Amino acid sequence: MRLLPIIVCGVLLFTAGACESSSDNSDTPDAGDTDSASDGDIDTDTDTSNPPGGLAVVPGIGIGDLRMGMTYGDVKALIGPYTTKLAFARIAYLDYQELRLKVVVTSELDLDVNDQSKVIALGALPGGEFSGQPLPGSSRSAIEDQFGAPSEESGGFVFYAAGFSCQYENDQAIAIGVFDAYELKPDPPEMKLATE
């Protein structure tokens, strides 16, 4: 589970624009499809379809209608193909520039994605139409007032076990990552031999 924060750091670095395009897709997604969210605590029962405020950021669940574990084929059906891609070691960072959205998938292919690739994280960037909390542009104090202190912090990134992370610059969130909720286990169980 310690790999999850590393992957999410990659998502946030990519979402902040550290690694832009390595591959262009000629079709751009339709930015007219939007979704909604709750404006308070994490609510997994919130209807996120066609909101007035934008794509709903729901920690531990997803952004808009995009959910952890869905396939890239499902993503394409909802918002179209990505505009740019960075892929390595069976992880691909897909950029939806018009939506200011990033989608991270695992793939059976080393340097590419296919329709069976699975969503493991999502990223929301400033300039996108998002609703819910937390949001890009929010102050660190506002996020901590609502969600409390982060579960982990490393190099400008904070991680919440509830399933989201923030990258801060001058105490303003410049990117929000959403991923499956997790449980910190600082004292892992004793390892066993493979023959047991």
N, C-alpha and C. Protein backbone atom coordinates (compact mmCIF):
# COMPACT_ATOMS: atom_id res chain seq x y z
N MET A 1 0.83 -1.19 0.00
CA MET A 1 0.00 0.00 0.00
C MET A 1 0.87 1.25 0.00
N ARG A 2 2.16 1.13 0.37
CA ARG A 2 3.05 2.28 0.37
C ARG A 2 3.29 2.78 -1.05
N LEU A 3 2.99 1.98 -2.07
CA LEU A 3 3.17 2.40 -3.45
C LEU A 3 2.12 3.43 -3.86
N LEU A 4 0.95 3.40 -3.23
CA LEU A 4 -0.13 4.32 -3.59
C LEU A 4 0.29 5.79 -3.49
N PRO A 5 0.90 6.24 -2.38
CA PRO A 5 1.31 7.65 -2.35
C PRO A 5 2.31 8.00 -3.43
N ILE A 6 3.18 7.08 -3.80
CA ILE A 6 4.15 7.35 -4.86
C ILE A 6 3.43 7.53 -6.18
N ILE A 7 2.46 6.68 -6.47
CA ILE A 7 1.68 6.79 -7.70
C ILE A 7 0.91 8.11 -7.72
N VAL A 8 0.31 8.44 -6.57
CA VAL A 8 -0.47 9.67 -6.50
C VAL A 8 0.44 10.89 -6.66
N CYS A 9 1.67 10.84 -6.10
CA CYS A 9 2.63 11.93 -6.33
C CYS A 9 2.87 12.09 -7.82
N GLY A 10 3.01 10.96 -8.51
CA GLY A 10 3.19 11.01 -9.96
C GLY A 10 1.99 11.64 -10.64
N VAL A 11 0.81 11.30 -10.17
CA VAL A 11 -0.42 11.88 -10.73
C VAL A 11 -0.39 13.39 -10.56
N LEU A 12 -0.09 13.82 -9.34
CA LEU A 12 -0.12 15.24 -9.07
C LEU A 12 0.98 15.99 -9.81
N LEU A 13 2.17 15.40 -9.88
CA LEU A 13 3.22 16.05 -10.66
C LEU A 13 2.78 16.20 -12.10
N PHE A 14 2.20 15.13 -12.63
CA PHE A 14 1.74 15.16 -14.00
C PHE A 14 0.60 16.15 -14.16
N THR A 15 -0.31 16.17 -13.17
CA THR A 15 -1.45 17.08 -13.27
C THR A 15 -1.00 18.53 -13.19
N ALA A 16 0.07 18.78 -12.50
CA ALA A 16 0.55 20.15 -12.38
C ALA A 16 1.30 20.59 -13.63
N GLY A 17 1.47 19.67 -14.57
CA GLY A 17 2.07 20.05 -15.83
C GLY A 17 3.55 19.73 -15.91
N ALA A 18 4.08 18.98 -14.94
CA ALA A 18 5.51 18.65 -14.98
C ALA A 18 5.84 17.81 -16.19
N CYS A 19 4.92 16.97 -16.61
CA CYS A 19 5.15 16.11 -17.77
C CYS A 19 3.95 16.27 -18.68
N GLU A 20 4.03 17.07 -19.68
CA GLU A 20 2.86 17.25 -20.54
C GLU A 20 2.76 16.15 -21.57
N SER A 21 2.86 16.43 -22.84
CA SER A 21 2.47 15.44 -23.81
C SER A 21 3.62 14.61 -24.33
N SER A 22 3.32 13.32 -24.48
CA SER A 22 4.24 12.46 -25.21
C SER A 22 3.52 11.82 -26.37
N SER A 23 2.19 11.95 -26.39
CA SER A 23 1.40 11.38 -27.47
C SER A 23 0.12 12.18 -27.60
N ASP A 24 -0.22 12.58 -28.78
CA ASP A 24 -1.47 13.30 -29.00
C ASP A 24 -2.51 12.38 -29.58
N ASN A 25 -3.75 12.64 -29.22
CA ASN A 25 -4.89 11.93 -29.74
C ASN A 25 -5.68 12.97 -30.51
N SER A 26 -6.01 12.72 -31.74
CA SER A 26 -6.61 13.76 -32.59
C SER A 26 -7.98 14.21 -32.12
N ASP A 27 -8.74 13.33 -31.47
CA ASP A 27 -10.06 13.72 -30.98
C ASP A 27 -9.91 14.35 -29.60
N THR A 28 -10.64 15.42 -29.36
CA THR A 28 -10.65 16.02 -28.04
C THR A 28 -11.99 15.73 -27.40
N PRO A 29 -12.00 15.56 -26.06
CA PRO A 29 -13.24 15.23 -25.38
C PRO A 29 -14.21 16.40 -25.37
N ASP A 30 -15.47 16.08 -25.20
CA ASP A 30 -16.51 17.09 -25.12
C ASP A 30 -16.53 17.65 -23.71
N ALA A 31 -16.21 18.89 -23.56
CA ALA A 31 -16.15 19.52 -22.24
C ALA A 31 -17.54 19.88 -21.74
N GLY A 32 -18.58 19.65 -22.50
CA GLY A 32 -19.92 20.00 -22.09
C GLY A 32 -20.52 19.05 -21.07
N ASP A 33 -20.01 17.84 -20.96
CA ASP A 33 -20.51 16.89 -19.98
C ASP A 33 -19.97 17.26 -18.62
N THR A 34 -20.85 17.53 -17.65
CA THR A 34 -20.41 17.89 -16.31
C THR A 34 -21.16 17.07 -15.29
N ASP A 35 -20.63 17.06 -14.08
CA ASP A 35 -21.21 16.29 -12.99
C ASP A 35 -21.20 17.10 -11.70
N SER A 36 -21.84 16.59 -10.64
CA SER A 36 -22.00 17.35 -9.40
C SER A 36 -21.46 16.64 -8.19
N ALA A 37 -21.44 17.34 -7.04
CA ALA A 37 -20.94 16.72 -5.82
C ALA A 37 -21.54 17.36 -4.60
N SER A 38 -21.22 16.76 -3.46
CA SER A 38 -21.62 17.33 -2.19
C SER A 38 -20.71 18.50 -1.88
N ASP A 39 -21.16 19.37 -0.98
CA ASP A 39 -20.32 20.50 -0.64
C ASP A 39 -19.82 20.42 0.79
N GLY A 40 -19.77 19.23 1.34
CA GLY A 40 -19.30 19.10 2.71
C GLY A 40 -18.51 17.84 2.89
N ASP A 41 -18.93 17.06 3.87
CA ASP A 41 -18.22 15.82 4.16
C ASP A 41 -18.29 14.88 2.98
N ILE A 42 -17.41 13.89 3.00
CA ILE A 42 -17.39 12.90 1.93
C ILE A 42 -18.70 12.13 1.96
N ASP A 43 -19.42 12.12 0.85
CA ASP A 43 -20.72 11.48 0.75
C ASP A 43 -20.70 10.56 -0.46
N THR A 44 -20.65 9.26 -0.20
CA THR A 44 -20.55 8.31 -1.31
C THR A 44 -21.89 8.07 -1.98
N ASP A 45 -22.98 8.60 -1.42
CA ASP A 45 -24.30 8.39 -2.03
C ASP A 45 -24.74 9.58 -2.88
N THR A 46 -23.87 10.55 -3.05
CA THR A 46 -24.21 11.75 -3.80
C THR A 46 -24.43 11.44 -5.28
N ASP A 47 -25.49 11.99 -5.85
CA ASP A 47 -25.73 11.86 -7.28
C ASP A 47 -24.79 12.81 -7.99
N THR A 48 -23.94 12.26 -8.86
CA THR A 48 -22.94 13.09 -9.53
C THR A 48 -23.23 13.27 -11.00
N SER A 49 -24.46 13.04 -11.43
CA SER A 49 -24.75 13.14 -12.85
C SER A 49 -25.30 14.52 -13.20
N ASN A 50 -24.74 15.13 -14.25
CA ASN A 50 -25.20 16.39 -14.83
C ASN A 50 -25.48 17.50 -13.83
N PRO A 51 -24.46 17.96 -13.09
CA PRO A 51 -24.69 19.01 -12.10
C PRO A 51 -24.60 20.39 -12.72
N PRO A 52 -25.10 21.37 -12.05
CA PRO A 52 -24.93 22.73 -12.52
C PRO A 52 -23.52 23.26 -12.22
N GLY A 53 -22.82 22.73 -11.19
CA GLY A 53 -21.56 23.31 -10.75
C GLY A 53 -20.31 22.73 -11.37
N GLY A 54 -20.38 21.65 -12.09
CA GLY A 54 -19.20 21.06 -12.70
C GLY A 54 -18.98 19.64 -12.23
N LEU A 55 -17.86 19.07 -12.65
CA LEU A 55 -17.52 17.69 -12.30
C LEU A 55 -17.31 17.58 -10.80
N ALA A 56 -18.03 16.67 -10.15
CA ALA A 56 -17.97 16.52 -8.70
C ALA A 56 -16.69 15.82 -8.28
N VAL A 57 -15.92 16.46 -7.42
CA VAL A 57 -14.75 15.83 -6.81
C VAL A 57 -15.22 15.15 -5.54
N VAL A 58 -15.17 13.81 -5.50
CA VAL A 58 -15.63 13.04 -4.35
C VAL A 58 -14.48 12.15 -3.89
N PRO A 59 -13.80 12.53 -2.78
CA PRO A 59 -12.66 11.75 -2.31
C PRO A 59 -12.99 10.27 -2.14
N GLY A 60 -12.05 9.42 -2.56
CA GLY A 60 -12.20 7.98 -2.42
C GLY A 60 -13.13 7.35 -3.44
N ILE A 61 -13.81 8.17 -4.23
CA ILE A 61 -14.81 7.68 -5.19
C ILE A 61 -14.43 8.02 -6.62
N GLY A 62 -14.30 9.30 -6.94
CA GLY A 62 -13.99 9.68 -8.31
C GLY A 62 -14.23 11.15 -8.56
N ILE A 63 -14.22 11.50 -9.83
CA ILE A 63 -14.51 12.87 -10.27
C ILE A 63 -15.57 12.76 -11.36
N GLY A 64 -16.68 13.48 -11.18
CA GLY A 64 -17.79 13.36 -12.12
C GLY A 64 -18.29 11.92 -12.13
N ASP A 65 -18.51 11.37 -13.32
CA ASP A 65 -18.96 9.98 -13.44
C ASP A 65 -17.79 9.00 -13.50
N LEU A 66 -16.56 9.50 -13.44
CA LEU A 66 -15.39 8.63 -13.49
C LEU A 66 -15.13 8.04 -12.11
N ARG A 67 -14.87 6.74 -12.06
CA ARG A 67 -14.70 6.02 -10.80
C ARG A 67 -13.44 5.16 -10.83
N MET A 68 -12.88 4.92 -9.65
CA MET A 68 -11.74 4.02 -9.55
C MET A 68 -12.17 2.63 -10.02
N GLY A 69 -11.30 1.97 -10.76
CA GLY A 69 -11.58 0.61 -11.21
C GLY A 69 -12.31 0.52 -12.54
N MET A 70 -12.86 1.64 -13.03
CA MET A 70 -13.51 1.56 -14.33
C MET A 70 -12.43 1.41 -15.40
N THR A 71 -12.80 0.96 -16.57
CA THR A 71 -11.83 0.74 -17.64
C THR A 71 -11.66 2.01 -18.48
N TYR A 72 -10.55 2.06 -19.21
CA TYR A 72 -10.36 3.17 -20.13
C TYR A 72 -11.46 3.17 -21.19
N GLY A 73 -11.94 2.00 -21.57
CA GLY A 73 -13.07 1.93 -22.50
C GLY A 73 -14.29 2.66 -21.95
N ASP A 74 -14.54 2.50 -20.64
CA ASP A 74 -15.65 3.21 -19.99
C ASP A 74 -15.40 4.71 -19.99
N VAL A 75 -14.14 5.10 -19.70
CA VAL A 75 -13.79 6.52 -19.68
C VAL A 75 -14.03 7.14 -21.06
N LYS A 76 -13.57 6.46 -22.11
CA LYS A 76 -13.79 6.98 -23.48
C LYS A 76 -15.26 7.14 -23.78
N ALA A 77 -16.08 6.20 -23.33
CA ALA A 77 -17.52 6.29 -23.59
C ALA A 77 -18.13 7.51 -22.89
N LEU A 78 -17.57 7.90 -21.74
CA LEU A 78 -18.11 9.03 -20.98
C LEU A 78 -17.58 10.38 -21.44
N ILE A 79 -16.26 10.48 -21.63
CA ILE A 79 -15.68 11.80 -21.91
C ILE A 79 -14.80 11.84 -23.15
N GLY A 80 -14.73 10.74 -23.89
CA GLY A 80 -13.95 10.72 -25.12
C GLY A 80 -12.51 10.31 -24.89
N PRO A 81 -11.72 10.34 -25.95
CA PRO A 81 -10.32 9.94 -25.84
C PRO A 81 -9.47 11.05 -25.22
N TYR A 82 -8.35 10.66 -24.64
CA TYR A 82 -7.42 11.61 -24.05
C TYR A 82 -6.80 12.50 -25.13
N THR A 83 -6.27 13.65 -24.69
CA THR A 83 -5.59 14.53 -25.63
C THR A 83 -4.09 14.27 -25.64
N THR A 84 -3.50 13.94 -24.48
CA THR A 84 -2.09 13.57 -24.42
C THR A 84 -1.91 12.43 -23.43
N LYS A 85 -0.77 11.74 -23.59
CA LYS A 85 -0.51 10.56 -22.75
C LYS A 85 0.97 10.49 -22.41
N LEU A 86 1.27 10.08 -21.19
CA LEU A 86 2.62 9.72 -20.78
C LEU A 86 2.49 8.34 -20.16
N ALA A 87 3.20 7.35 -20.72
CA ALA A 87 3.09 5.98 -20.21
C ALA A 87 4.46 5.39 -20.01
N PHE A 88 4.61 4.65 -18.93
CA PHE A 88 5.83 3.89 -18.65
C PHE A 88 5.50 2.86 -17.58
N ALA A 89 6.21 1.74 -17.63
CA ALA A 89 6.09 0.69 -16.61
C ALA A 89 4.63 0.32 -16.31
N ARG A 90 3.83 0.23 -17.36
CA ARG A 90 2.42 -0.19 -17.26
C ARG A 90 1.52 0.77 -16.49
N ILE A 91 1.95 2.02 -16.37
CA ILE A 91 1.12 3.07 -15.78
C ILE A 91 1.05 4.17 -16.83
N ALA A 92 -0.15 4.67 -17.09
CA ALA A 92 -0.32 5.73 -18.07
C ALA A 92 -1.05 6.91 -17.44
N TYR A 93 -0.55 8.11 -17.73
CA TYR A 93 -1.13 9.35 -17.28
C TYR A 93 -1.81 9.99 -18.49
N LEU A 94 -3.13 10.05 -18.46
CA LEU A 94 -3.90 10.54 -19.60
C LEU A 94 -4.42 11.94 -19.29
N ASP A 95 -4.20 12.84 -20.21
CA ASP A 95 -4.55 14.24 -20.03
C ASP A 95 -5.78 14.58 -20.85
N TYR A 96 -6.76 15.19 -20.20
CA TYR A 96 -7.95 15.73 -20.86
C TYR A 96 -7.86 17.25 -20.69
N GLN A 97 -7.16 17.89 -21.61
CA GLN A 97 -6.80 19.31 -21.47
C GLN A 97 -8.01 20.22 -21.34
N GLU A 98 -9.03 20.03 -22.14
CA GLU A 98 -10.20 20.92 -22.08
C GLU A 98 -10.93 20.82 -20.76
N LEU A 99 -10.94 19.64 -20.17
CA LEU A 99 -11.61 19.44 -18.89
C LEU A 99 -10.72 19.77 -17.70
N ARG A 100 -9.41 19.98 -17.95
CA ARG A 100 -8.42 20.18 -16.88
C ARG A 100 -8.46 18.99 -15.92
N LEU A 101 -8.45 17.80 -16.52
CA LEU A 101 -8.61 16.55 -15.80
C LEU A 101 -7.52 15.58 -16.22
N LYS A 102 -7.02 14.81 -15.27
CA LYS A 102 -6.04 13.74 -15.54
C LYS A 102 -6.65 12.42 -15.10
N VAL A 103 -6.33 11.37 -15.85
CA VAL A 103 -6.78 10.02 -15.53
C VAL A 103 -5.54 9.14 -15.52
N VAL A 104 -5.34 8.41 -14.44
CA VAL A 104 -4.20 7.50 -14.35
C VAL A 104 -4.74 6.08 -14.40
N VAL A 105 -4.16 5.28 -15.30
CA VAL A 105 -4.60 3.90 -15.47
C VAL A 105 -3.42 2.95 -15.37
N THR A 106 -3.70 1.72 -14.96
CA THR A 106 -2.73 0.64 -15.08
C THR A 106 -3.05 -0.08 -16.37
N SER A 107 -2.03 -0.65 -16.99
CA SER A 107 -2.22 -1.26 -18.30
C SER A 107 -1.45 -2.57 -18.39
N GLU A 108 -1.94 -3.48 -19.19
CA GLU A 108 -1.19 -4.69 -19.47
C GLU A 108 -0.07 -4.42 -20.47
N LEU A 109 -0.09 -3.24 -21.08
CA LEU A 109 0.93 -2.84 -22.04
C LEU A 109 1.96 -1.96 -21.35
N ASP A 110 3.24 -2.14 -21.67
CA ASP A 110 4.29 -1.37 -21.01
C ASP A 110 4.20 0.13 -21.27
N LEU A 111 3.95 0.53 -22.53
CA LEU A 111 4.03 1.94 -22.90
C LEU A 111 2.76 2.47 -23.55
N ASP A 112 1.64 1.81 -23.34
CA ASP A 112 0.40 2.24 -23.98
C ASP A 112 -0.79 1.83 -23.13
N VAL A 113 -1.97 2.22 -23.56
CA VAL A 113 -3.22 1.85 -22.89
C VAL A 113 -4.10 1.09 -23.88
N ASN A 114 -5.03 0.35 -23.34
CA ASN A 114 -6.06 -0.26 -24.16
C ASN A 114 -7.39 -0.12 -23.43
N ASP A 115 -8.45 -0.59 -24.03
CA ASP A 115 -9.78 -0.40 -23.43
C ASP A 115 -9.94 -1.13 -22.11
N GLN A 116 -9.07 -2.10 -21.79
CA GLN A 116 -9.16 -2.84 -20.53
C GLN A 116 -8.33 -2.20 -19.42
N SER A 117 -7.54 -1.17 -19.72
CA SER A 117 -6.73 -0.49 -18.71
C SER A 117 -7.65 0.03 -17.61
N LYS A 118 -7.21 -0.07 -16.35
CA LYS A 118 -8.05 0.28 -15.19
C LYS A 118 -7.65 1.61 -14.57
N VAL A 119 -8.65 2.41 -14.23
CA VAL A 119 -8.43 3.70 -13.57
C VAL A 119 -8.00 3.45 -12.13
N ILE A 120 -6.86 4.08 -11.74
CA ILE A 120 -6.40 3.97 -10.35
C ILE A 120 -6.35 5.33 -9.65
N ALA A 121 -6.39 6.42 -10.41
CA ALA A 121 -6.39 7.74 -9.81
C ALA A 121 -6.89 8.77 -10.82
N LEU A 122 -7.37 9.89 -10.29
CA LEU A 122 -7.87 10.99 -11.11
C LEU A 122 -7.29 12.29 -10.57
N GLY A 123 -7.14 13.27 -11.42
CA GLY A 123 -6.60 14.55 -10.98
C GLY A 123 -7.42 15.71 -11.50
N ALA A 124 -7.65 16.70 -10.63
CA ALA A 124 -8.37 17.92 -10.98
C ALA A 124 -7.40 19.09 -10.94
N LEU A 125 -7.40 19.91 -12.00
CA LEU A 125 -6.49 21.04 -12.12
C LEU A 125 -7.23 22.37 -12.10
N PRO A 126 -6.54 23.45 -11.73
CA PRO A 126 -7.16 24.77 -11.79
C PRO A 126 -7.64 25.07 -13.21
N GLY A 127 -8.74 25.78 -13.29
CA GLY A 127 -9.29 26.15 -14.60
C GLY A 127 -10.37 25.21 -15.07
N GLY A 128 -10.53 24.07 -14.40
CA GLY A 128 -11.60 23.15 -14.75
C GLY A 128 -12.88 23.51 -14.02
N GLU A 129 -13.98 22.99 -14.52
CA GLU A 129 -15.27 23.23 -13.87
C GLU A 129 -15.55 22.06 -12.94
N PHE A 130 -15.25 22.26 -11.64
CA PHE A 130 -15.40 21.23 -10.62
C PHE A 130 -16.32 21.73 -9.53
N SER A 131 -16.94 20.81 -8.84
CA SER A 131 -17.74 21.13 -7.66
C SER A 131 -17.35 20.16 -6.57
N GLY A 132 -17.92 20.35 -5.38
CA GLY A 132 -17.57 19.50 -4.24
C GLY A 132 -16.35 20.04 -3.54
N GLN A 133 -15.75 19.20 -2.72
CA GLN A 133 -14.55 19.57 -1.97
C GLN A 133 -13.67 18.35 -1.84
N PRO A 134 -12.37 18.53 -1.84
CA PRO A 134 -11.61 19.75 -2.02
C PRO A 134 -11.50 20.13 -3.48
N LEU A 135 -11.15 21.37 -3.76
CA LEU A 135 -11.05 21.85 -5.13
C LEU A 135 -9.71 22.53 -5.38
N PRO A 136 -9.22 22.49 -6.62
CA PRO A 136 -8.03 23.27 -6.96
C PRO A 136 -8.30 24.74 -6.65
N GLY A 137 -7.32 25.41 -6.10
CA GLY A 137 -7.48 26.82 -5.74
C GLY A 137 -7.88 27.02 -4.29
N SER A 138 -8.33 25.95 -3.61
CA SER A 138 -8.70 26.07 -2.20
C SER A 138 -7.46 26.33 -1.35
N SER A 139 -7.64 27.04 -0.27
CA SER A 139 -6.52 27.28 0.64
C SER A 139 -6.30 26.03 1.50
N ARG A 140 -5.06 25.87 1.93
CA ARG A 140 -4.73 24.74 2.80
C ARG A 140 -5.57 24.80 4.08
N SER A 141 -5.74 25.99 4.64
CA SER A 141 -6.50 26.11 5.88
C SER A 141 -7.96 25.70 5.67
N ALA A 142 -8.56 26.06 4.54
CA ALA A 142 -9.95 25.67 4.28
C ALA A 142 -10.07 24.15 4.14
N ILE A 143 -9.10 23.52 3.47
CA ILE A 143 -9.14 22.06 3.32
C ILE A 143 -8.96 21.38 4.68
N GLU A 144 -8.01 21.88 5.48
CA GLU A 144 -7.79 21.27 6.80
C GLU A 144 -8.95 21.56 7.75
N ASP A 145 -9.61 22.70 7.61
CA ASP A 145 -10.80 22.97 8.43
C ASP A 145 -11.89 21.95 8.14
N GLN A 146 -12.02 21.56 6.89
CA GLN A 146 -13.07 20.61 6.52
C GLN A 146 -12.67 19.16 6.75
N PHE A 147 -11.43 18.80 6.41
CA PHE A 147 -11.03 17.39 6.44
C PHE A 147 -10.06 17.03 7.55
N GLY A 148 -9.57 18.02 8.30
CA GLY A 148 -8.60 17.76 9.36
C GLY A 148 -7.19 17.69 8.80
N ALA A 149 -6.28 17.28 9.67
CA ALA A 149 -4.88 17.17 9.28
C ALA A 149 -4.71 16.00 8.32
N PRO A 150 -3.77 16.11 7.38
CA PRO A 150 -3.56 15.01 6.44
C PRO A 150 -2.97 13.78 7.13
N SER A 151 -3.20 12.62 6.53
CA SER A 151 -2.68 11.36 7.05
C SER A 151 -1.17 11.27 6.85
N GLU A 152 -0.69 11.81 5.73
CA GLU A 152 0.73 11.80 5.39
C GLU A 152 1.06 13.08 4.64
N GLU A 153 2.33 13.47 4.70
CA GLU A 153 2.79 14.67 3.99
C GLU A 153 4.20 14.43 3.50
N SER A 154 4.46 14.83 2.25
CA SER A 154 5.80 14.65 1.69
C SER A 154 6.03 15.63 0.54
N GLY A 155 7.03 16.49 0.69
CA GLY A 155 7.48 17.37 -0.38
C GLY A 155 6.41 18.22 -1.05
N GLY A 156 5.56 18.87 -0.28
CA GLY A 156 4.53 19.72 -0.87
C GLY A 156 3.24 18.99 -1.21
N PHE A 157 3.22 17.68 -1.00
CA PHE A 157 2.03 16.87 -1.24
C PHE A 157 1.48 16.41 0.11
N VAL A 158 0.16 16.42 0.24
CA VAL A 158 -0.47 15.86 1.43
C VAL A 158 -1.45 14.78 0.98
N PHE A 159 -1.55 13.75 1.80
CA PHE A 159 -2.39 12.60 1.48
C PHE A 159 -3.38 12.36 2.61
N TYR A 160 -4.62 12.13 2.22
CA TYR A 160 -5.68 11.81 3.18
C TYR A 160 -6.12 10.37 2.94
N ALA A 161 -6.17 9.59 4.00
CA ALA A 161 -6.58 8.18 3.89
C ALA A 161 -7.99 8.06 3.33
N ALA A 162 -8.77 9.13 3.40
CA ALA A 162 -10.14 9.12 2.86
C ALA A 162 -10.15 9.01 1.34
N GLY A 163 -8.97 9.15 0.70
CA GLY A 163 -8.90 8.96 -0.74
C GLY A 163 -8.67 10.20 -1.57
N PHE A 164 -7.89 11.15 -1.05
CA PHE A 164 -7.52 12.28 -1.88
C PHE A 164 -6.18 12.85 -1.43
N SER A 165 -5.60 13.62 -2.31
CA SER A 165 -4.34 14.29 -2.00
C SER A 165 -4.38 15.69 -2.59
N CYS A 166 -3.51 16.54 -2.08
CA CYS A 166 -3.40 17.92 -2.57
C CYS A 166 -1.93 18.23 -2.80
N GLN A 167 -1.66 18.96 -3.85
CA GLN A 167 -0.35 19.55 -4.04
C GLN A 167 -0.51 21.03 -3.77
N TYR A 168 0.33 21.56 -2.88
CA TYR A 168 0.22 22.96 -2.50
C TYR A 168 1.37 23.77 -3.06
N GLU A 169 1.05 25.00 -3.37
CA GLU A 169 2.05 26.01 -3.71
C GLU A 169 1.59 27.28 -3.00
N ASN A 170 2.42 27.81 -2.11
CA ASN A 170 2.05 28.99 -1.31
C ASN A 170 0.74 28.77 -0.56
N ASP A 171 0.57 27.57 -0.01
CA ASP A 171 -0.62 27.19 0.76
C ASP A 171 -1.93 27.25 -0.03
N GLN A 172 -1.85 27.16 -1.35
CA GLN A 172 -3.02 27.04 -2.22
C GLN A 172 -2.92 25.70 -2.94
N ALA A 173 -4.04 24.98 -3.03
CA ALA A 173 -4.06 23.70 -3.74
C ALA A 173 -3.94 23.97 -5.24
N ILE A 174 -2.89 23.44 -5.86
CA ILE A 174 -2.75 23.61 -7.31
C ILE A 174 -3.17 22.36 -8.06
N ALA A 175 -3.37 21.26 -7.33
CA ALA A 175 -3.88 20.03 -7.94
C ALA A 175 -4.49 19.17 -6.84
N ILE A 176 -5.56 18.48 -7.20
CA ILE A 176 -6.23 17.55 -6.29
C ILE A 176 -6.20 16.18 -6.94
N GLY A 177 -5.72 15.19 -6.21
CA GLY A 177 -5.74 13.80 -6.68
C GLY A 177 -6.82 13.04 -5.95
N VAL A 178 -7.51 12.14 -6.65
CA VAL A 178 -8.53 11.30 -6.04
C VAL A 178 -8.16 9.85 -6.33
N PHE A 179 -8.23 9.01 -5.32
CA PHE A 179 -7.87 7.60 -5.44
C PHE A 179 -8.67 6.82 -4.40
N ASP A 180 -8.55 5.50 -4.40
CA ASP A 180 -9.25 4.68 -3.41
C ASP A 180 -8.80 5.05 -2.00
N ALA A 181 -9.74 5.05 -1.07
CA ALA A 181 -9.40 5.27 0.34
C ALA A 181 -8.47 4.13 0.78
N TYR A 182 -7.64 4.43 1.76
CA TYR A 182 -6.71 3.42 2.25
C TYR A 182 -6.59 3.51 3.77
N GLU A 183 -5.98 2.51 4.35
CA GLU A 183 -5.75 2.48 5.79
C GLU A 183 -4.24 2.42 6.02
N LEU A 184 -3.74 3.36 6.83
CA LEU A 184 -2.32 3.33 7.17
C LEU A 184 -2.06 2.19 8.13
N LYS A 185 -1.03 1.41 7.86
CA LYS A 185 -0.63 0.32 8.75
C LYS A 185 0.86 0.46 9.01
N PRO A 186 1.22 1.34 9.97
CA PRO A 186 2.65 1.58 10.22
C PRO A 186 3.38 0.36 10.78
N ASP A 187 2.65 -0.57 11.36
CA ASP A 187 3.25 -1.79 11.89
C ASP A 187 2.73 -2.98 11.09
N PRO A 188 3.36 -3.27 9.94
CA PRO A 188 2.87 -4.38 9.11
C PRO A 188 3.06 -5.71 9.82
N PRO A 189 2.24 -6.71 9.46
CA PRO A 189 2.39 -8.02 10.08
C PRO A 189 3.73 -8.64 9.68
N GLU A 190 4.20 -9.56 10.50
CA GLU A 190 5.46 -10.24 10.22
C GLU A 190 5.37 -11.01 8.90
N MET A 191 6.43 -10.89 8.10
CA MET A 191 6.47 -11.61 6.82
C MET A 191 6.62 -13.10 7.07
N LYS A 192 6.03 -13.87 6.17
CA LYS A 192 6.12 -15.33 6.26
C LYS A 192 6.88 -15.86 5.07
N LEU A 193 7.44 -17.00 5.23
CA LEU A 193 8.13 -17.65 4.13
C LEU A 193 7.13 -18.03 3.05
N ALA A 194 7.56 -17.98 1.81
CA ALA A 194 6.67 -18.33 0.69
C ALA A 194 6.25 -19.79 0.74
N THR A 195 6.99 -20.64 1.42
CA THR A 195 6.66 -22.07 1.49
C THR A 195 5.62 -22.37 2.55
N GLU A 196 5.28 -21.39 3.38
CA GLU A 196 4.28 -21.64 4.44
C GLU A 196 2.88 -21.58 3.88
